[in-house]
Amino acid sequence: MAGPKFVNKQPGVNPQLTPYDPSALPAGQSSMESFADIASMGLKGAKAIQEDNVDTLTDKAATALSEEYLLGSETYQNDLNQRKLRLESQVQTDGANTVLLKELDDVVGRLELAKEQDRIGPGEFRYRAMAKSAELYDMYPSYKAEIDAKMNAVFGQQGVDDILASDSSLLKIRQEAAIKRETDKRTFVGEYMDITSMSQDDINKQFSNLKNIEGSDKFIQLLTTQMQNQDNFARTKIYRKFISDGGIGQLYTSVFGGVSKNIRQIGSLPNEQMNIDDKIDLASEEINIAIARLYQVCLLYTSDAADE
């Protein structure tokens, strides 16, 4: 009987193991190609893991940014306060409703967190979002588009886009109102003096001074009217209120501040509109009016002061 044709001459090797035979590979596939396929599978797996890491980190970052902004948003805080009032009203009529109570507790908790959170405006939020995106870009420079897409998706899901638009609208309204206030101040002060070389701070100071004069005028006019045609007892009562309300200072501001304001207004008139002599005459008239007015007020108050 003939012996076996294959004899395992490699000691220690399991006879059941087949030695590597390149010819056993599928037709047209070399060992290098097989290794490349395995390497490609490994790279694809590594890329999938990295993409998952990018997605997870970006999601967490965008969610944290959203939470910070919402709690610091004026629009969101106003909305929470409105919801709180509504829920409190509903709880008064349906206090056993556990769903309402739970929602109210959640809203109150959010408001408490909002109090601890500094106010964040649209500009600050955008700055923080850009800074966080730049940080993620540095970590994963090949995934900028994916990072941006994920950020925007999370912001949309969290309601940040709508709140951002509302806050931006509020900010715009405030800015326009501030500009109008400054313009109105310049117009008002410009009626009394030349503001060509004035800074906004100087205009603000002059505006306050002029408004103080107006307020003092009204104060003195009111008390003077009250003093007229009153008996001594009533006039004494009014006089005491005049003193306690700072009437002496108000009187000074009204009379001397008023005449100063009017003279400055006369002086600011263009020479084409009024020559210097006419300006001097008009200013003198203003001084005489102020003196007469002071004398009138003193007549009303002098007897009451003597009684004191």
C-alpha atoms as a PDB file:
ATOM      1  CA  MET A   1       0.000   0.000   0.000  1.00  0.00           C
ATOM      2  CA  ALA A   2       1.375   3.335  -1.049  1.00  0.00           C
ATOM      3  CA  GLY A   3       2.243   5.912   1.624  1.00  0.00           C
ATOM      4  CA  PRO A   4       0.609   9.393   1.911  1.00  0.00           C
ATOM      5  CA  LYS A   5       1.603  11.921  -0.679  1.00  0.00           C
ATOM      6  CA  PHE A   6       1.655  14.838   1.839  1.00  0.00           C
ATOM      7  CA  VAL A   7       3.808  14.588   4.897  1.00  0.00           C
ATOM      8  CA  ASN A   8       3.832  17.450   7.493  1.00  0.00           C
ATOM      9  CA  LYS A   9       7.499  18.094   7.974  1.00  0.00           C
ATOM     10  CA  GLN A  10       6.995  21.194  10.195  1.00  0.00           C
ATOM     11  CA  PRO A  11       7.252  19.971  13.753  1.00  0.00           C
ATOM     12  CA  GLY A  12       4.837  21.548  16.198  1.00  0.00           C
ATOM     13  CA  VAL A  13       2.403  22.674  13.502  1.00  0.00           C
ATOM     14  CA  ASN A  14      -1.123  21.331  13.714  1.00  0.00           C
ATOM     15  CA  PRO A  15      -1.633  19.049  10.703  1.00  0.00           C
ATOM     16  CA  GLN A  16      -5.152  20.452  10.340  1.00  0.00           C
ATOM     17  CA  LEU A  17      -3.799  23.934   9.561  1.00  0.00           C
ATOM     18  CA  THR A  18      -3.303  24.638   5.914  1.00  0.00           C
ATOM     19  CA  PRO A  19      -0.092  26.496   5.039  1.00  0.00           C
ATOM     20  CA  TYR A  20      -0.584  29.945   3.455  1.00  0.00           C
ATOM     21  CA  ASP A  21      -1.026  29.535  -0.238  1.00  0.00           C
ATOM     22  CA  PRO A  22      -1.358  32.750  -2.306  1.00  0.00           C
ATOM     23  CA  SER A  23      -2.883  30.673  -5.066  1.00  0.00           C
ATOM     24  CA  ALA A  24      -5.867  30.016  -2.806  1.00  0.00           C
ATOM     25  CA  LEU A  25      -6.934  33.746  -3.021  1.00  0.00           C
ATOM     26  CA  PRO A  26      -9.751  34.692  -5.411  1.00  0.00           C
ATOM     27  CA  ALA A  27      -8.714  35.244  -8.949  1.00  0.00           C
ATOM     28  CA  GLY A  28      -7.223  38.682  -9.565  1.00  0.00           C
ATOM     29  CA  GLN A  29      -6.668  39.519  -5.840  1.00  0.00           C
ATOM     30  CA  SER A  30      -3.157  39.688  -4.529  1.00  0.00           C
ATOM     31  CA  SER A  31      -2.061  39.659  -0.905  1.00  0.00           C
ATOM     32  CA  MET A  32      -1.329  43.412  -1.126  1.00  0.00           C
ATOM     33  CA  GLU A  33      -4.864  44.088  -2.321  1.00  0.00           C
ATOM     34  CA  SER A  34      -6.265  42.056   0.542  1.00  0.00           C
ATOM     35  CA  PHE A  35      -4.194  44.068   3.026  1.00  0.00           C
ATOM     36  CA  ALA A  36      -5.388  47.317   1.419  1.00  0.00           C
ATOM     37  CA  ASP A  37      -8.997  46.232   1.855  1.00  0.00           C
ATOM     38  CA  ILE A  38      -8.423  45.515   5.522  1.00  0.00           C
ATOM     39  CA  ALA A  39      -6.654  48.865   5.981  1.00  0.00           C
ATOM     40  CA  SER A  40      -9.501  50.642   4.194  1.00  0.00           C
ATOM     41  CA  MET A  41     -12.026  49.043   6.511  1.00  0.00           C
ATOM     42  CA  GLY A  42      -9.968  50.202   9.459  1.00  0.00           C
ATOM     43  CA  LEU A  43      -9.789  53.762   8.155  1.00  0.00           C
ATOM     44  CA  LYS A  44     -13.512  53.834   7.543  1.00  0.00           C
ATOM     45  CA  GLY A  45     -14.111  52.644  11.076  1.00  0.00           C
ATOM     46  CA  ALA A  46     -11.751  55.250  12.508  1.00  0.00           C
ATOM     47  CA  LYS A  47     -13.426  57.979  10.443  1.00  0.00           C
ATOM     48  CA  ALA A  48     -16.847  56.909  11.676  1.00  0.00           C
ATOM     49  CA  ILE A  49     -15.618  57.114  15.268  1.00  0.00           C
ATOM     50  CA  GLN A  50     -14.145  60.559  14.678  1.00  0.00           C
ATOM     51  CA  GLU A  51     -17.335  61.800  13.026  1.00  0.00           C
ATOM     52  CA  ASP A  52     -19.297  60.521  16.007  1.00  0.00           C
ATOM     53  CA  ASN A  53     -16.924  62.373  18.352  1.00  0.00           C
ATOM     54  CA  VAL A  54     -17.318  65.603  16.375  1.00  0.00           C
ATOM     55  CA  ASP A  55     -21.095  65.273  16.415  1.00  0.00           C
ATOM     56  CA  THR A  56     -21.210  64.560  20.160  1.00  0.00           C
ATOM     57  CA  LEU A  57     -18.854  67.370  21.153  1.00  0.00           C
ATOM     58  CA  THR A  58     -20.600  69.904  18.910  1.00  0.00           C
ATOM     59  CA  ASP A  59     -24.013  68.884  20.211  1.00  0.00           C
ATOM     60  CA  LYS A  60     -22.895  69.341  23.824  1.00  0.00           C
ATOM     61  CA  ALA A  61     -21.255  72.694  23.073  1.00  0.00           C
ATOM     62  CA  ALA A  62     -24.279  74.063  21.186  1.00  0.00           C
ATOM     63  CA  THR A  63     -26.697  72.827  23.864  1.00  0.00           C
ATOM     64  CA  ALA A  64     -24.662  74.524  26.620  1.00  0.00           C
ATOM     65  CA  LEU A  65     -24.498  77.772  24.617  1.00  0.00           C
ATOM     66  CA  SER A  66     -28.261  77.631  24.052  1.00  0.00           C
ATOM     67  CA  GLU A  67     -28.958  77.165  27.746  1.00  0.00           C
ATOM     68  CA  GLU A  68     -26.699  80.075  28.712  1.00  0.00           C
ATOM     69  CA  TYR A  69     -28.257  82.377  26.162  1.00  0.00           C
ATOM     70  CA  LEU A  70     -31.880  81.496  26.897  1.00  0.00           C
ATOM     71  CA  LEU A  71     -31.447  82.101  30.623  1.00  0.00           C
ATOM     72  CA  GLY A  72     -29.725  85.413  29.892  1.00  0.00           C
ATOM     73  CA  SER A  73     -32.164  86.520  27.205  1.00  0.00           C
ATOM     74  CA  GLU A  74     -34.558  89.381  27.951  1.00  0.00           C
ATOM     75  CA  THR A  75     -37.197  87.902  25.652  1.00  0.00           C
ATOM     76  CA  TYR A  76     -36.944  84.472  27.255  1.00  0.00           C
ATOM     77  CA  GLN A  77     -37.097  85.904  30.794  1.00  0.00           C
ATOM     78  CA  ASN A  78     -40.151  87.971  29.866  1.00  0.00           C
ATOM     79  CA  ASP A  79     -41.759  84.850  28.451  1.00  0.00           C
ATOM     80  CA  LEU A  80     -41.033  82.917  31.655  1.00  0.00           C
ATOM     81  CA  ASN A  81     -42.623  85.671  33.760  1.00  0.00           C
ATOM     82  CA  GLN A  82     -45.726  85.668  31.564  1.00  0.00           C
ATOM     83  CA  ARG A  83     -45.984  81.887  31.821  1.00  0.00           C
ATOM     84  CA  LYS A  84     -45.582  82.097  35.596  1.00  0.00           C
ATOM     85  CA  LEU A  85     -48.463  84.585  35.905  1.00  0.00           C
ATOM     86  CA  ARG A  86     -50.669  82.459  33.667  1.00  0.00           C
ATOM     87  CA  LEU A  87     -49.899  79.259  35.557  1.00  0.00           C
ATOM     88  CA  GLU A  88     -50.429  80.909  38.954  1.00  0.00           C
ATOM     89  CA  SER A  89     -53.840  82.069  37.795  1.00  0.00           C
ATOM     90  CA  GLN A  90     -54.722  78.573  36.573  1.00  0.00           C
ATOM     91  CA  VAL A  91     -53.502  76.955  39.789  1.00  0.00           C
ATOM     92  CA  GLN A  92     -55.805  79.204  41.822  1.00  0.00           C
ATOM     93  CA  THR A  93     -58.803  77.644  40.099  1.00  0.00           C
ATOM     94  CA  ASP A  94     -57.360  74.152  39.702  1.00  0.00           C
ATOM     95  CA  GLY A  95     -54.912  73.672  42.551  1.00  0.00           C
ATOM     96  CA  ALA A  96     -55.121  69.883  42.459  1.00  0.00           C
ATOM     97  CA  ASN A  97     -53.858  69.675  38.889  1.00  0.00           C
ATOM     98  CA  THR A  98     -50.448  68.018  39.270  1.00  0.00           C
ATOM     99  CA  VAL A  99     -49.494  68.794  35.665  1.00  0.00           C
ATOM    100  CA  LEU A 100     -50.013  72.525  36.224  1.00  0.00           C
ATOM    101  CA  LEU A 101     -48.149  72.406  39.531  1.00  0.00           C
ATOM    102  CA  LYS A 102     -45.213  70.599  37.924  1.00  0.00           C
ATOM    103  CA  GLU A 103     -45.087  73.107  35.058  1.00  0.00           C
ATOM    104  CA  LEU A 104     -45.244  76.020  37.507  1.00  0.00           C
ATOM    105  CA  ASP A 105     -42.390  74.556  39.553  1.00  0.00           C
ATOM    106  CA  ASP A 106     -40.321  74.153  36.395  1.00  0.00           C
ATOM    107  CA  VAL A 107     -40.956  77.761  35.334  1.00  0.00           C
ATOM    108  CA  VAL A 108     -40.130  79.110  38.807  1.00  0.00           C
ATOM    109  CA  GLY A 109     -36.931  77.049  38.777  1.00  0.00           C
ATOM    110  CA  ARG A 110     -35.968  78.468  35.388  1.00  0.00           C
ATOM    111  CA  LEU A 111     -36.590  81.987  36.639  1.00  0.00           C
ATOM    112  CA  GLU A 112     -34.343  81.383  39.634  1.00  0.00           C
ATOM    113  CA  LEU A 113     -31.582  80.185  37.319  1.00  0.00           C
ATOM    114  CA  ALA A 114     -32.152  83.221  35.104  1.00  0.00           C
ATOM    115  CA  LYS A 115     -31.624  85.560  38.078  1.00  0.00           C
ATOM    116  CA  GLU A 116     -28.206  84.001  38.642  1.00  0.00           C
ATOM    117  CA  GLN A 117     -27.349  84.296  34.950  1.00  0.00           C
ATOM    118  CA  ASP A 118     -25.941  87.578  33.652  1.00  0.00           C
ATOM    119  CA  ARG A 119     -27.944  89.215  30.874  1.00  0.00           C
ATOM    120  CA  ILE A 120     -26.690  88.057  27.459  1.00  0.00           C
ATOM    121  CA  GLY A 121     -27.527  90.059  24.349  1.00  0.00           C
ATOM    122  CA  PRO A 122     -27.519  88.914  20.722  1.00  0.00           C
ATOM    123  CA  GLY A 123     -24.013  90.252  20.106  1.00  0.00           C
ATOM    124  CA  GLU A 124     -22.550  88.469  23.122  1.00  0.00           C
ATOM    125  CA  PHE A 125     -24.211  85.201  22.140  1.00  0.00           C
ATOM    126  CA  ARG A 126     -22.863  85.384  18.594  1.00  0.00           C
ATOM    127  CA  TYR A 127     -19.379  86.085  19.959  1.00  0.00           C
ATOM    128  CA  ARG A 128     -19.545  83.051  22.249  1.00  0.00           C
ATOM    129  CA  ALA A 129     -20.847  80.829  19.458  1.00  0.00           C
ATOM    130  CA  MET A 130     -18.044  81.923  17.120  1.00  0.00           C
ATOM    131  CA  ALA A 131     -15.435  81.357  19.841  1.00  0.00           C
ATOM    132  CA  LYS A 132     -16.716  77.846  20.547  1.00  0.00           C
ATOM    133  CA  SER A 133     -16.844  77.030  16.823  1.00  0.00           C
ATOM    134  CA  ALA A 134     -13.243  78.212  16.415  1.00  0.00           C
ATOM    135  CA  GLU A 135     -12.230  75.960  19.303  1.00  0.00           C
ATOM    136  CA  LEU A 136     -13.873  72.962  17.620  1.00  0.00           C
ATOM    137  CA  TYR A 137     -12.319  73.903  14.250  1.00  0.00           C
ATOM    138  CA  ASP A 138      -8.875  73.707  15.848  1.00  0.00           C
ATOM    139  CA  MET A 139      -9.643  70.225  17.143  1.00  0.00           C
ATOM    140  CA  TYR A 140     -11.219  68.976  13.904  1.00  0.00           C
ATOM    141  CA  PRO A 141     -10.111  71.212  11.006  1.00  0.00           C
ATOM    142  CA  SER A 142     -11.577  68.852   8.382  1.00  0.00           C
ATOM    143  CA  TYR A 143     -15.094  69.075   9.833  1.00  0.00           C
ATOM    144  CA  LYS A 144     -15.872  72.805   9.740  1.00  0.00           C
ATOM    145  CA  ALA A 145     -18.987  72.364   7.612  1.00  0.00           C
ATOM    146  CA  GLU A 146     -20.273  69.553   9.833  1.00  0.00           C
ATOM    147  CA  ILE A 147     -19.627  71.604  12.977  1.00  0.00           C
ATOM    148  CA  ASP A 148     -21.506  74.608  11.572  1.00  0.00           C
ATOM    149  CA  ALA A 149     -24.420  72.455  10.454  1.00  0.00           C
ATOM    150  CA  LYS A 150     -24.697  70.753  13.843  1.00  0.00           C
ATOM    151  CA  MET A 151     -24.460  74.060  15.726  1.00  0.00           C
ATOM    152  CA  ASN A 152     -27.230  75.603  13.634  1.00  0.00           C
ATOM    153  CA  ALA A 153     -29.402  72.518  13.970  1.00  0.00           C
ATOM    154  CA  VAL A 154     -29.155  72.526  17.768  1.00  0.00           C
ATOM    155  CA  PHE A 155     -29.810  76.281  17.985  1.00  0.00           C
ATOM    156  CA  GLY A 156     -32.947  75.768  15.905  1.00  0.00           C
ATOM    157  CA  GLN A 157     -34.143  72.853  18.008  1.00  0.00           C
ATOM    158  CA  GLN A 158     -33.596  74.770  21.257  1.00  0.00           C
ATOM    159  CA  GLY A 159     -35.582  77.788  20.015  1.00  0.00           C
ATOM    160  CA  VAL A 160     -32.541  80.044  20.050  1.00  0.00           C
ATOM    161  CA  ASP A 161     -33.168  81.399  16.548  1.00  0.00           C
ATOM    162  CA  ASP A 162     -36.599  82.827  17.434  1.00  0.00           C
ATOM    163  CA  ILE A 163     -35.397  84.281  20.749  1.00  0.00           C
ATOM    164  CA  LEU A 164     -32.342  85.767  19.032  1.00  0.00           C
ATOM    165  CA  ALA A 165     -34.541  87.480  16.447  1.00  0.00           C
ATOM    166  CA  SER A 166     -36.797  88.916  19.161  1.00  0.00           C
ATOM    167  CA  ASP A 167     -33.877  90.151  21.272  1.00  0.00           C
ATOM    168  CA  SER A 168     -32.299  91.737  18.194  1.00  0.00           C
ATOM    169  CA  SER A 169     -35.571  93.532  17.456  1.00  0.00           C
ATOM    170  CA  LEU A 170     -35.784  94.846  21.037  1.00  0.00           C
ATOM    171  CA  LEU A 171     -32.179  96.028  20.849  1.00  0.00           C
ATOM    172  CA  LYS A 172     -32.836  97.843  17.573  1.00  0.00           C
ATOM    173  CA  ILE A 173     -35.898  99.593  19.026  1.00  0.00           C
ATOM    174  CA  ARG A 174     -33.881 100.727  22.049  1.00  0.00           C
ATOM    175  CA  GLN A 175     -31.024 101.983  19.885  1.00  0.00           C
ATOM    176  CA  GLU A 176     -33.416 103.967  17.693  1.00  0.00           C
ATOM    177  CA  ALA A 177     -35.126 105.401  20.794  1.00  0.00           C
ATOM    178  CA  ALA A 178     -31.740 106.408  22.246  1.00  0.00           C
ATOM    179  CA  ILE A 179     -30.773 108.150  19.005  1.00  0.00           C
ATOM    180  CA  LYS A 180     -34.098 110.015  18.998  1.00  0.00           C
ATOM    181  CA  ARG A 181     -33.615 111.114  22.619  1.00  0.00           C
ATOM    182  CA  GLU A 182     -30.170 112.501  21.812  1.00  0.00           C
ATOM    183  CA  THR A 183     -31.532 114.266  18.731  1.00  0.00           C
ATOM    184  CA  ASP A 184     -34.411 115.781  20.737  1.00  0.00           C
ATOM    185  CA  LYS A 185     -31.948 117.015  23.371  1.00  0.00           C
ATOM    186  CA  ARG A 186     -29.795 118.686  20.738  1.00  0.00           C
ATOM    187  CA  THR A 187     -32.862 120.340  19.216  1.00  0.00           C
ATOM    188  CA  PHE A 188     -34.132 121.539  22.601  1.00  0.00           C
ATOM    189  CA  VAL A 189     -30.789 122.915  23.809  1.00  0.00           C
ATOM    190  CA  GLY A 190     -30.152 124.418  20.386  1.00  0.00           C
ATOM    191  CA  GLU A 191     -33.181 126.671  20.886  1.00  0.00           C
ATOM    192  CA  TYR A 192     -31.340 128.456  23.699  1.00  0.00           C
ATOM    193  CA  MET A 193     -27.674 128.368  22.726  1.00  0.00           C
ATOM    194  CA  ASP A 194     -25.177 127.526  20.016  1.00  0.00           C
ATOM    195  CA  ILE A 195     -24.392 123.804  20.207  1.00  0.00           C
ATOM    196  CA  THR A 196     -22.090 123.612  17.197  1.00  0.00           C
ATOM    197  CA  SER A 197     -18.954 122.868  19.219  1.00  0.00           C
ATOM    198  CA  MET A 198     -20.673 121.088  22.121  1.00  0.00           C
ATOM    199  CA  SER A 199     -20.039 117.446  22.950  1.00  0.00           C
ATOM    200  CA  GLN A 200     -22.991 115.192  23.712  1.00  0.00           C
ATOM    201  CA  ASP A 201     -22.047 115.227  27.407  1.00  0.00           C
ATOM    202  CA  ASP A 202     -22.183 119.036  27.460  1.00  0.00           C
ATOM    203  CA  ILE A 203     -25.523 118.981  25.677  1.00  0.00           C
ATOM    204  CA  ASN A 204     -26.863 116.482  28.221  1.00  0.00           C
ATOM    205  CA  LYS A 205     -25.786 118.774  31.081  1.00  0.00           C
ATOM    206  CA  GLN A 206     -27.387 121.830  29.482  1.00  0.00           C
ATOM    207  CA  PHE A 207     -30.525 119.825  28.785  1.00  0.00           C
ATOM    208  CA  SER A 208     -30.775 118.867  32.470  1.00  0.00           C
ATOM    209  CA  ASN A 209     -30.206 122.471  33.540  1.00  0.00           C
ATOM    210  CA  LEU A 210     -32.887 123.780  31.206  1.00  0.00           C
ATOM    211  CA  LYS A 211     -35.348 121.129  32.297  1.00  0.00           C
ATOM    212  CA  ASN A 212     -34.638 121.968  35.937  1.00  0.00           C
ATOM    213  CA  ILE A 213     -35.463 125.577  35.182  1.00  0.00           C
ATOM    214  CA  GLU A 214     -38.712 124.530  33.541  1.00  0.00           C
ATOM    215  CA  GLY A 215     -39.583 122.395  36.538  1.00  0.00           C
ATOM    216  CA  SER A 216     -38.780 125.225  38.955  1.00  0.00           C
ATOM    217  CA  ASP A 217     -40.902 127.633  36.895  1.00  0.00           C
ATOM    218  CA  LYS A 218     -43.886 125.323  37.147  1.00  0.00           C
ATOM    219  CA  PHE A 219     -43.297 124.799  40.871  1.00  0.00           C
ATOM    220  CA  ILE A 220     -43.168 128.531  41.628  1.00  0.00           C
ATOM    221  CA  GLN A 221     -46.116 129.293  39.357  1.00  0.00           C
ATOM    222  CA  LEU A 222     -48.210 126.650  41.060  1.00  0.00           C
ATOM    223  CA  LEU A 223     -47.426 127.843  44.578  1.00  0.00           C
ATOM    224  CA  THR A 224     -47.866 131.493  43.607  1.00  0.00           C
ATOM    225  CA  THR A 225     -51.291 130.706  42.188  1.00  0.00           C
ATOM    226  CA  GLN A 226     -52.191 128.828  45.339  1.00  0.00           C
ATOM    227  CA  MET A 227     -51.077 131.730  47.527  1.00  0.00           C
ATOM    228  CA  GLN A 228     -53.279 134.274  45.780  1.00  0.00           C
ATOM    229  CA  ASN A 229     -56.718 135.014  47.247  1.00  0.00           C
ATOM    230  CA  GLN A 230     -56.049 132.853  50.330  1.00  0.00           C
ATOM    231  CA  ASP A 231     -56.481 133.819  53.953  1.00  0.00           C
ATOM    232  CA  ASN A 232     -53.434 134.066  56.240  1.00  0.00           C
ATOM    233  CA  PHE A 233     -53.889 130.576  57.664  1.00  0.00           C
ATOM    234  CA  ALA A 234     -53.967 128.937  54.215  1.00  0.00           C
ATOM    235  CA  ARG A 235     -51.076 131.040  52.959  1.00  0.00           C
ATOM    236  CA  THR A 236     -48.981 130.122  56.000  1.00  0.00           C
ATOM    237  CA  LYS A 237     -49.678 126.457  55.320  1.00  0.00           C
ATOM    238  CA  ILE A 238     -48.633 126.866  51.689  1.00  0.00           C
ATOM    239  CA  TYR A 239     -45.528 128.781  52.724  1.00  0.00           C
ATOM    240  CA  ARG A 240     -44.422 125.977  55.045  1.00  0.00           C
ATOM    241  CA  LYS A 241     -44.792 123.510  52.216  1.00  0.00           C
ATOM    242  CA  PHE A 242     -42.847 125.901  49.999  1.00  0.00           C
ATOM    243  CA  ILE A 243     -39.937 125.870  52.463  1.00  0.00           C
ATOM    244  CA  SER A 244     -40.046 122.102  53.103  1.00  0.00           C
ATOM    245  CA  ASP A 245     -40.083 121.372  49.360  1.00  0.00           C
ATOM    246  CA  GLY A 246     -36.920 123.407  48.776  1.00  0.00           C
ATOM    247  CA  GLY A 247     -38.793 126.454  47.591  1.00  0.00           C
ATOM    248  CA  ILE A 248     -35.913 128.913  48.069  1.00  0.00           C
ATOM    249  CA  GLY A 249     -33.661 126.937  45.753  1.00  0.00           C
ATOM    250  CA  GLN A 250     -36.507 126.451  43.297  1.00  0.00           C
ATOM    251  CA  LEU A 251     -37.224 130.171  43.355  1.00  0.00           C
ATOM    252  CA  TYR A 252     -33.561 130.968  42.646  1.00  0.00           C
ATOM    253  CA  THR A 253     -33.464 128.482  39.780  1.00  0.00           C
ATOM    254  CA  SER A 254     -36.744 129.700  38.351  1.00  0.00           C
ATOM    255  CA  VAL A 255     -35.968 133.405  38.408  1.00  0.00           C
ATOM    256  CA  PHE A 256     -32.223 133.595  37.801  1.00  0.00           C
ATOM    257  CA  GLY A 257     -31.980 130.414  35.771  1.00  0.00           C
ATOM    258  CA  GLY A 258     -34.926 131.544  33.686  1.00  0.00           C
ATOM    259  CA  VAL A 259     -33.493 134.939  32.890  1.00  0.00           C
ATOM    260  CA  SER A 260     -30.107 133.366  32.101  1.00  0.00           C
ATOM    261  CA  LYS A 261     -31.782 130.899  29.757  1.00  0.00           C
ATOM    262  CA  ASN A 262     -33.709 133.628  27.959  1.00  0.00           C
ATOM    263  CA  ILE A 263     -30.683 135.901  27.607  1.00  0.00           C
ATOM    264  CA  ARG A 264     -28.632 133.047  26.150  1.00  0.00           C
ATOM    265  CA  GLN A 265     -31.421 132.351  23.711  1.00  0.00           C
ATOM    266  CA  ILE A 266     -31.421 136.008  22.666  1.00  0.00           C
ATOM    267  CA  GLY A 267     -27.654 135.931  22.273  1.00  0.00           C
ATOM    268  CA  SER A 268     -27.793 132.875  20.012  1.00  0.00           C
ATOM    269  CA  LEU A 269     -30.045 134.626  17.498  1.00  0.00           C
ATOM    270  CA  PRO A 270     -28.258 135.318  14.170  1.00  0.00           C
ATOM    271  CA  ASN A 271     -27.235 138.940  13.665  1.00  0.00           C
ATOM    272  CA  GLU A 272     -29.190 138.915  10.423  1.00  0.00           C
ATOM    273  CA  GLN A 273     -32.317 138.228  12.480  1.00  0.00           C
ATOM    274  CA  MET A 274     -31.625 140.747  15.279  1.00  0.00           C
ATOM    275  CA  ASN A 275     -28.860 143.320  15.606  1.00  0.00           C
ATOM    276  CA  ILE A 276     -26.778 143.724  18.754  1.00  0.00           C
ATOM    277  CA  ASP A 277     -28.643 146.809  20.038  1.00  0.00           C
ATOM    278  CA  ASP A 278     -31.993 145.065  19.830  1.00  0.00           C
ATOM    279  CA  LYS A 279     -30.523 142.052  21.587  1.00  0.00           C
ATOM    280  CA  ILE A 280     -29.306 144.250  24.460  1.00  0.00           C
ATOM    281  CA  ASP A 281     -32.713 145.924  24.760  1.00  0.00           C
ATOM    282  CA  LEU A 282     -34.495 142.564  24.785  1.00  0.00           C
ATOM    283  CA  ALA A 283     -32.104 141.151  27.349  1.00  0.00           C
ATOM    284  CA  SER A 284     -32.709 144.198  29.571  1.00  0.00           C
ATOM    285  CA  GLU A 285     -36.429 143.595  29.331  1.00  0.00           C
ATOM    286  CA  GLU A 286     -35.915 139.990  30.426  1.00  0.00           C
ATOM    287  CA  ILE A 287     -33.942 141.169  33.453  1.00  0.00           C
ATOM    288  CA  ASN A 288     -36.690 143.643  34.388  1.00  0.00           C
ATOM    289  CA  ILE A 289     -39.310 140.921  34.025  1.00  0.00           C
ATOM    290  CA  ALA A 290     -37.288 138.653  36.288  1.00  0.00           C
ATOM    291  CA  ILE A 291     -36.942 141.398  38.917  1.00  0.00           C
ATOM    292  CA  ALA A 292     -40.662 142.145  38.777  1.00  0.00           C
ATOM    293  CA  ARG A 293     -41.474 138.493  39.091  1.00  0.00           C
ATOM    294  CA  LEU A 294     -39.151 138.078  42.074  1.00  0.00           C
ATOM    295  CA  TYR A 295     -40.733 141.114  43.725  1.00  0.00           C
ATOM    296  CA  GLN A 296     -44.208 139.677  43.153  1.00  0.00           C
ATOM    297  CA  VAL A 297     -43.261 136.357  44.695  1.00  0.00           C
ATOM    298  CA  CYS A 298     -41.580 138.063  47.639  1.00  0.00           C
ATOM    299  CA  LEU A 299     -44.723 140.080  48.355  1.00  0.00           C
ATOM    300  CA  LEU A 300     -46.693 136.861  48.614  1.00  0.00           C
ATOM    301  CA  TYR A 301     -44.224 135.157  50.924  1.00  0.00           C
ATOM    302  CA  THR A 302     -42.763 138.014  53.022  1.00  0.00           C
ATOM    303  CA  SER A 303     -45.662 138.365  55.452  1.00  0.00           C
ATOM    304  CA  ASP A 304     -45.793 134.605  55.947  1.00  0.00           C
ATOM    305  CA  ALA A 305     -42.055 134.501  56.610  1.00  0.00           C
ATOM    306  CA  ALA A 306     -42.481 137.229  59.230  1.00  0.00           C
ATOM    307  CA  ASP A 307     -45.257 135.198  60.881  1.00  0.00           C
ATOM    308  CA  GLU A 308     -42.869 132.285  61.135  1.00  0.00           C
END
